[in-house]
C-alpha atoms as a PDB file:
ATOM      1  CA  MET A   1     -73.178  18.109 225.467  1.00  0.00           C
ATOM      2  CA  SER A   2     -76.159  15.803 226.033  1.00  0.00           C
ATOM      3  CA  ASP A   3     -76.416  13.589 229.078  1.00  0.00           C
ATOM      4  CA  PRO A   4     -75.816   9.980 227.948  1.00  0.00           C
ATOM      5  CA  HIS A   5     -77.770   8.608 230.909  1.00  0.00           C
ATOM      6  CA  LYS A   6     -80.743  10.748 229.972  1.00  0.00           C
ATOM      7  CA  ASN A   7     -80.539   9.608 226.368  1.00  0.00           C
ATOM      8  CA  SER A   8     -80.432   5.970 227.410  1.00  0.00           C
ATOM      9  CA  LEU A   9     -83.882   6.398 228.952  1.00  0.00           C
ATOM     10  CA  ALA A  10     -85.425   7.782 225.769  1.00  0.00           C
ATOM     11  CA  TRP A  11     -87.513   6.003 223.148  1.00  0.00           C
ATOM     12  CA  ARG A  12     -85.387   7.309 220.283  1.00  0.00           C
ATOM     13  CA  SER A  13     -82.136   6.111 221.876  1.00  0.00           C
ATOM     14  CA  VAL A  14     -83.461   2.595 222.391  1.00  0.00           C
ATOM     15  CA  MET A  15     -84.712   2.413 218.806  1.00  0.00           C
ATOM     16  CA  ASP A  16     -81.303   3.592 217.598  1.00  0.00           C
ATOM     17  CA  VAL A  17     -79.122   1.333 219.742  1.00  0.00           C
ATOM     18  CA  LEU A  18     -80.924  -2.027 219.670  1.00  0.00           C
ATOM     19  CA  PRO A  19     -80.793  -2.584 215.892  1.00  0.00           C
ATOM     20  CA  ARG A  20     -77.056  -1.844 215.957  1.00  0.00           C
ATOM     21  CA  ILE A  21     -76.520  -4.383 218.726  1.00  0.00           C
ATOM     22  CA  TYR A  22     -78.159  -7.093 216.646  1.00  0.00           C
ATOM     23  CA  ALA A  23     -76.676  -6.055 213.322  1.00  0.00           C
ATOM     24  CA  PRO A  24     -74.551  -8.826 211.727  1.00  0.00           C
ATOM     25  CA  PRO A  25     -70.819  -8.150 211.369  1.00  0.00           C
ATOM     26  CA  THR A  26     -69.936  -6.501 208.097  1.00  0.00           C
ATOM     27  CA  GLN A  27     -66.556  -8.193 207.811  1.00  0.00           C
ATOM     28  CA  ILE A  28     -64.490 -11.008 209.263  1.00  0.00           C
ATOM     29  CA  PRO A  29     -61.887  -9.805 211.802  1.00  0.00           C
ATOM     30  CA  ILE A  30     -58.309  -9.944 210.545  1.00  0.00           C
ATOM     31  CA  GLY A  31     -56.705 -13.320 211.248  1.00  0.00           C
ATOM     32  CA  ASP A  32     -59.997 -15.218 211.644  1.00  0.00           C
ATOM     33  CA  PRO A  33     -60.657 -18.016 209.158  1.00  0.00           C
ATOM     34  CA  PRO A  34     -63.717 -17.631 206.908  1.00  0.00           C
ATOM     35  CA  SER A  35     -65.444 -20.483 208.761  1.00  0.00           C
ATOM     36  CA  SER A  36     -65.656 -18.292 211.851  1.00  0.00           C
ATOM     37  CA  ALA A  37     -67.994 -15.834 210.152  1.00  0.00           C
ATOM     38  CA  ARG A  38     -71.505 -15.871 211.578  1.00  0.00           C
ATOM     39  CA  ASP A  39     -74.544 -16.442 209.438  1.00  0.00           C
ATOM     40  CA  PRO A  40     -75.941 -12.927 208.806  1.00  0.00           C
ATOM     41  CA  ALA A  41     -79.443 -14.389 209.007  1.00  0.00           C
ATOM     42  CA  LYS A  42     -78.890 -15.286 212.653  1.00  0.00           C
ATOM     43  CA  PRO A  43     -78.432 -13.036 215.704  1.00  0.00           C
ATOM     44  CA  PRO A  44     -74.807 -12.556 216.773  1.00  0.00           C
ATOM     45  CA  PHE A  45     -75.519 -13.968 220.256  1.00  0.00           C
ATOM     46  CA  ASP A  46     -76.281 -17.425 221.648  1.00  0.00           C
ATOM     47  CA  MET A  47     -78.343 -15.838 224.403  1.00  0.00           C
ATOM     48  CA  VAL A  48     -79.187 -12.364 225.683  1.00  0.00           C
ATOM     49  CA  VAL A  49     -79.930 -10.933 229.119  1.00  0.00           C
ATOM     50  CA  HIS A  50     -81.059  -7.338 229.521  1.00  0.00           C
ATOM     51  CA  MET A  51     -81.046  -5.612 232.901  1.00  0.00           C
ATOM     52  CA  GLY A  52     -83.123  -2.782 234.260  1.00  0.00           C
ATOM     53  CA  ILE A  53     -84.143  -1.177 237.551  1.00  0.00           C
ATOM     54  CA  ALA A  54     -87.606  -1.794 238.994  1.00  0.00           C
ATOM     55  CA  THR A  55     -88.164   1.110 241.375  1.00  0.00           C
ATOM     56  CA  ARG A  56     -91.259  -0.429 243.008  1.00  0.00           C
ATOM     57  CA  ARG A  57     -89.775  -3.874 243.662  1.00  0.00           C
ATOM     58  CA  ASP A  58     -87.529  -4.958 246.504  1.00  0.00           C
ATOM     59  CA  TYR A  59     -86.749  -8.316 244.852  1.00  0.00           C
ATOM     60  CA  PHE A  60     -84.939  -9.610 241.768  1.00  0.00           C
ATOM     61  CA  SER A  61     -87.137 -10.886 238.953  1.00  0.00           C
ATOM     62  CA  ILE A  62     -86.796 -12.358 235.493  1.00  0.00           C
ATOM     63  CA  GLU A  63     -89.497 -11.411 233.031  1.00  0.00           C
ATOM     64  CA  THR A  64     -91.183 -14.233 231.154  1.00  0.00           C
ATOM     65  CA  LEU A  65     -92.718 -12.156 228.347  1.00  0.00           C
ATOM     66  CA  GLY A  66     -92.738  -8.819 226.538  1.00  0.00           C
ATOM     67  CA  HIS A  67     -95.628  -6.721 225.228  1.00  0.00           C
ATOM     68  CA  ARG A  68     -96.026  -5.211 221.785  1.00  0.00           C
ATOM     69  CA  ASP A  69     -98.564  -2.492 222.629  1.00  0.00           C
ATOM     70  CA  GLY A  70     -99.316   0.201 225.187  1.00  0.00           C
ATOM     71  CA  TYR A  71     -96.105   2.242 225.136  1.00  0.00           C
ATOM     72  CA  GLU A  72     -97.692   5.470 223.899  1.00  0.00           C
ATOM     73  CA  LEU A  73     -99.162   5.998 227.373  1.00  0.00           C
ATOM     74  CA  TYR A  74     -95.831   7.019 228.907  1.00  0.00           C
ATOM     75  CA  GLU A  75     -93.405   9.906 228.436  1.00  0.00           C
ATOM     76  CA  ASP A  76     -89.654   9.287 228.435  1.00  0.00           C
ATOM     77  CA  VAL A  77     -87.097  11.517 230.178  1.00  0.00           C
ATOM     78  CA  ASN A  78     -87.253  13.912 227.222  1.00  0.00           C
ATOM     79  CA  HIS A  79     -91.044  14.219 227.662  1.00  0.00           C
ATOM     80  CA  GLU A  80     -91.640  12.454 224.367  1.00  0.00           C
ATOM     81  CA  ARG A  81     -94.331   9.891 223.730  1.00  0.00           C
ATOM     82  CA  LEU A  82     -94.561   7.276 221.029  1.00  0.00           C
ATOM     83  CA  PRO A  83     -97.408   7.866 218.555  1.00  0.00           C
ATOM     84  CA  GLU A  84    -100.745   6.153 219.087  1.00  0.00           C
ATOM     85  CA  GLY A  85    -100.667   2.573 217.835  1.00  0.00           C
ATOM     86  CA  PHE A  86     -96.871   2.525 217.524  1.00  0.00           C
ATOM     87  CA  GLY A  87     -96.474  -1.082 218.647  1.00  0.00           C
ATOM     88  CA  ARG A  88     -98.977  -2.482 216.183  1.00  0.00           C
ATOM     89  CA  ALA A  89     -97.472  -0.461 213.316  1.00  0.00           C
ATOM     90  CA  HIS A  90     -93.821  -1.117 214.178  1.00  0.00           C
ATOM     91  CA  TRP A  91     -94.294  -4.835 214.911  1.00  0.00           C
ATOM     92  CA  LEU A  92     -97.201  -5.536 212.557  1.00  0.00           C
ATOM     93  CA  ASP A  93     -95.892  -9.048 211.900  1.00  0.00           C
ATOM     94  CA  CYS A  94     -95.576  -9.903 215.602  1.00  0.00           C
ATOM     95  CA  PRO A  95     -98.164 -11.118 218.124  1.00  0.00           C
ATOM     96  CA  GLU A  96     -99.223  -8.907 221.020  1.00  0.00           C
ATOM     97  CA  ILE A  97     -97.140 -10.961 223.456  1.00  0.00           C
ATOM     98  CA  LEU A  98     -93.874 -12.814 222.923  1.00  0.00           C
ATOM     99  CA  HIS A  99     -92.494 -15.226 225.509  1.00  0.00           C
ATOM    100  CA  THR A 100     -88.891 -16.127 226.046  1.00  0.00           C
ATOM    101  CA  THR A 101     -88.112 -19.704 225.034  1.00  0.00           C
ATOM    102  CA  PHE A 102     -86.010 -20.270 228.122  1.00  0.00           C
ATOM    103  CA  ASP A 103     -87.639 -22.687 230.537  1.00  0.00           C
ATOM    104  CA  THR A 104     -88.031 -19.957 233.146  1.00  0.00           C
ATOM    105  CA  ASP A 105     -89.053 -22.343 235.927  1.00  0.00           C
ATOM    106  CA  ASP A 106     -85.852 -24.289 235.345  1.00  0.00           C
ATOM    107  CA  VAL A 107     -83.771 -21.113 235.137  1.00  0.00           C
ATOM    108  CA  LEU A 108     -85.279 -19.845 238.393  1.00  0.00           C
ATOM    109  CA  ARG A 109     -84.491 -23.136 240.152  1.00  0.00           C
ATOM    110  CA  ARG A 110     -80.898 -23.139 238.925  1.00  0.00           C
ATOM    111  CA  TRP A 111     -80.551 -19.427 239.719  1.00  0.00           C
ATOM    112  CA  LYS A 112     -81.492 -20.039 243.332  1.00  0.00           C
ATOM    113  CA  LEU A 113     -79.143 -23.016 243.618  1.00  0.00           C
ATOM    114  CA  ASN A 114     -76.239 -21.076 242.084  1.00  0.00           C
ATOM    115  CA  LEU A 115     -76.754 -18.140 244.386  1.00  0.00           C
ATOM    116  CA  LEU A 116     -77.016 -20.394 247.414  1.00  0.00           C
ATOM    117  CA  ALA A 117     -73.724 -22.061 246.445  1.00  0.00           C
ATOM    118  CA  ASP A 118     -71.885 -18.810 245.662  1.00  0.00           C
ATOM    119  CA  HIS A 119     -73.357 -16.292 248.053  1.00  0.00           C
ATOM    120  CA  THR A 120     -70.942 -15.003 250.675  1.00  0.00           C
ATOM    121  CA  SER A 121     -73.245 -12.797 252.787  1.00  0.00           C
ATOM    122  CA  ASP A 122     -73.659 -15.254 255.692  1.00  0.00           C
ATOM    123  CA  GLY A 123     -76.363 -17.197 253.924  1.00  0.00           C
ATOM    124  CA  GLU A 124     -78.654 -14.179 253.614  1.00  0.00           C
ATOM    125  CA  ASP A 125     -81.707 -14.956 251.502  1.00  0.00           C
ATOM    126  CA  ILE A 126     -82.155 -13.049 248.261  1.00  0.00           C
ATOM    127  CA  ASP A 127     -85.689 -12.881 246.916  1.00  0.00           C
ATOM    128  CA  LEU A 128     -85.786 -14.224 243.329  1.00  0.00           C
ATOM    129  CA  ARG A 129     -89.017 -14.402 241.344  1.00  0.00           C
ATOM    130  CA  LEU A 130     -90.596 -14.785 237.932  1.00  0.00           C
ATOM    131  CA  SER A 131     -92.678 -11.932 236.563  1.00  0.00           C
ATOM    132  CA  ASP A 132     -95.086 -11.506 233.648  1.00  0.00           C
ATOM    133  CA  ASP A 133     -95.190  -7.706 233.848  1.00  0.00           C
ATOM    134  CA  ALA A 134     -92.102  -5.923 232.543  1.00  0.00           C
ATOM    135  CA  GLY A 135     -93.844  -2.576 232.965  1.00  0.00           C
ATOM    136  CA  HIS A 136     -95.025  -1.301 229.552  1.00  0.00           C
ATOM    137  CA  PHE A 137     -92.183   1.226 229.587  1.00  0.00           C
ATOM    138  CA  LEU A 138     -88.599   1.131 228.353  1.00  0.00           C
ATOM    139  CA  CYS A 139     -87.697  -2.202 229.969  1.00  0.00           C
ATOM    140  CA  ASP A 140     -90.685  -3.937 228.399  1.00  0.00           C
ATOM    141  CA  PHE A 141     -90.010  -2.136 225.113  1.00  0.00           C
ATOM    142  CA  ILE A 142     -86.373  -3.290 225.055  1.00  0.00           C
ATOM    143  CA  TYR A 143     -87.380  -6.835 225.941  1.00  0.00           C
ATOM    144  CA  PHE A 144     -90.034  -7.080 223.237  1.00  0.00           C
ATOM    145  CA  SER A 145     -87.625  -5.553 220.712  1.00  0.00           C
ATOM    146  CA  SER A 146     -85.115  -8.343 221.368  1.00  0.00           C
ATOM    147  CA  LEU A 147     -87.761 -11.066 221.403  1.00  0.00           C
ATOM    148  CA  SER A 148     -89.180  -9.772 218.116  1.00  0.00           C
ATOM    149  CA  THR A 149     -85.723  -9.824 216.524  1.00  0.00           C
ATOM    150  CA  TYR A 150     -85.466 -13.561 217.155  1.00  0.00           C
ATOM    151  CA  TYR A 151     -89.114 -14.072 216.164  1.00  0.00           C
ATOM    152  CA  ARG A 152     -88.503 -12.454 212.788  1.00  0.00           C
ATOM    153  CA  LEU A 153     -85.222 -14.258 212.179  1.00  0.00           C
ATOM    154  CA  ASN A 154     -87.017 -17.528 212.868  1.00  0.00           C
ATOM    155  CA  ARG A 155     -89.479 -16.720 210.068  1.00  0.00           C
ATOM    156  CA  ARG A 156     -92.183 -15.751 212.530  1.00  0.00           C
ATOM    157  CA  ARG A 157     -92.549 -19.262 213.911  1.00  0.00           C
ATOM    158  CA  GLU A 158     -94.181 -19.377 217.331  1.00  0.00           C
ATOM    159  CA  ASP A 159     -91.919 -22.311 218.201  1.00  0.00           C
ATOM    160  CA  GLY A 160     -88.776 -20.518 217.018  1.00  0.00           C
ATOM    161  CA  GLU A 161     -85.996 -19.915 219.511  1.00  0.00           C
ATOM    162  CA  ARG A 162     -85.992 -16.686 221.535  1.00  0.00           C
ATOM    163  CA  PRO A 163     -83.160 -17.116 224.081  1.00  0.00           C
ATOM    164  CA  VAL A 164     -83.671 -13.740 225.745  1.00  0.00           C
ATOM    165  CA  LEU A 165     -84.332 -12.777 229.365  1.00  0.00           C
ATOM    166  CA  PHE A 166     -84.834  -9.489 231.172  1.00  0.00           C
ATOM    167  CA  LEU A 167     -83.570  -9.139 234.748  1.00  0.00           C
ATOM    168  CA  HIS A 168     -85.201  -6.504 236.928  1.00  0.00           C
ATOM    169  CA  ILE A 169     -83.193  -5.424 239.952  1.00  0.00           C
ATOM    170  CA  PRO A 170     -84.255  -3.352 242.985  1.00  0.00           C
ATOM    171  CA  ALA A 171     -83.412   0.345 243.002  1.00  0.00           C
ATOM    172  CA  LYS A 172     -80.748   0.226 245.725  1.00  0.00           C
ATOM    173  CA  ALA A 173     -77.280   1.711 245.392  1.00  0.00           C
ATOM    174  CA  GLU A 174     -75.397   1.050 248.623  1.00  0.00           C
ATOM    175  CA  GLU A 175     -72.113  -0.826 248.290  1.00  0.00           C
ATOM    176  CA  ASP A 176     -73.599  -4.044 249.717  1.00  0.00           C
ATOM    177  CA  ASP A 177     -76.541  -3.770 247.324  1.00  0.00           C
ATOM    178  CA  ILE A 178     -74.218  -3.424 244.350  1.00  0.00           C
ATOM    179  CA  LEU A 179     -72.232  -6.483 245.440  1.00  0.00           C
ATOM    180  CA  LYS A 180     -75.452  -8.430 245.903  1.00  0.00           C
ATOM    181  CA  GLY A 181     -76.652  -7.319 242.467  1.00  0.00           C
ATOM    182  CA  ARG A 182     -73.421  -8.439 240.825  1.00  0.00           C
ATOM    183  CA  GLU A 183     -73.544 -11.857 242.505  1.00  0.00           C
ATOM    184  CA  THR A 184     -77.183 -12.254 241.520  1.00  0.00           C
ATOM    185  CA  ALA A 185     -76.600 -11.323 237.885  1.00  0.00           C
ATOM    186  CA  VAL A 186     -73.643 -13.705 237.550  1.00  0.00           C
ATOM    187  CA  ALA A 187     -75.676 -16.510 239.134  1.00  0.00           C
ATOM    188  CA  LEU A 188     -78.486 -15.858 236.640  1.00  0.00           C
ATOM    189  CA  ILE A 189     -76.181 -15.962 233.625  1.00  0.00           C
ATOM    190  CA  ARG A 190     -74.753 -19.264 234.836  1.00  0.00           C
ATOM    191  CA  ALA A 191     -78.298 -20.599 235.277  1.00  0.00           C
ATOM    192  CA  MET A 192     -79.170 -19.556 231.726  1.00  0.00           C
ATOM    193  CA  VAL A 193     -76.127 -21.364 230.327  1.00  0.00           C
ATOM    194  CA  GLU A 194     -76.817 -24.488 232.382  1.00  0.00           C
ATOM    195  CA  SER A 195     -80.494 -24.578 231.451  1.00  0.00           C
ATOM    196  CA  ARG A 196     -79.763 -24.075 227.768  1.00  0.00           C
ATOM    197  CA  LYS A 197     -77.159 -26.865 227.758  1.00  0.00           C
ATOM    198  CA  GLU A 198     -79.580 -29.223 229.491  1.00  0.00           C
ATOM    199  CA  ALA A 199     -82.311 -28.439 226.956  1.00  0.00           C
ATOM    200  CA  LYS A 200     -80.129 -29.321 223.962  1.00  0.00           C
END
């Protein structure tokens, strides 16, 4: 039996799973009225947040952009590489960089306020930052894949909505770290919702 954790860190697994996450529902659940069916031309989510571990960071960060190219430089856990020029070929209709359409400065401000209001660890500061380098590995690849899904569904308009964020968390696994990570993630999701409501 294959190791599911190993597979989750492989190029092929990401390319298999992400399209299924965004696939429109094939039928209306029993008991739901027809008006509840989502438009198949739109993503099934109002907003998306991905999460990944940043082994070289000791702070929490939200990524502001994803990259199309450069992934063939790195092997996954199965020692496989993407072919040369994969990004350009796979996302031919997409620019080299796609930004989230969240106002990340506003999200960061609200994130800090939410965490300050909710945090129970004796007022301990948690380092929260913006980042423009998701790493050119699987995290960046996942992020760009989601951003490109919205870009394509919005008919490749630069001003089309891409309500996606990627949260990088430090590679710490003690019980206190896990609690802190949970609090931080919840505070971020609340900040995303608040920021999106304010923008509408």
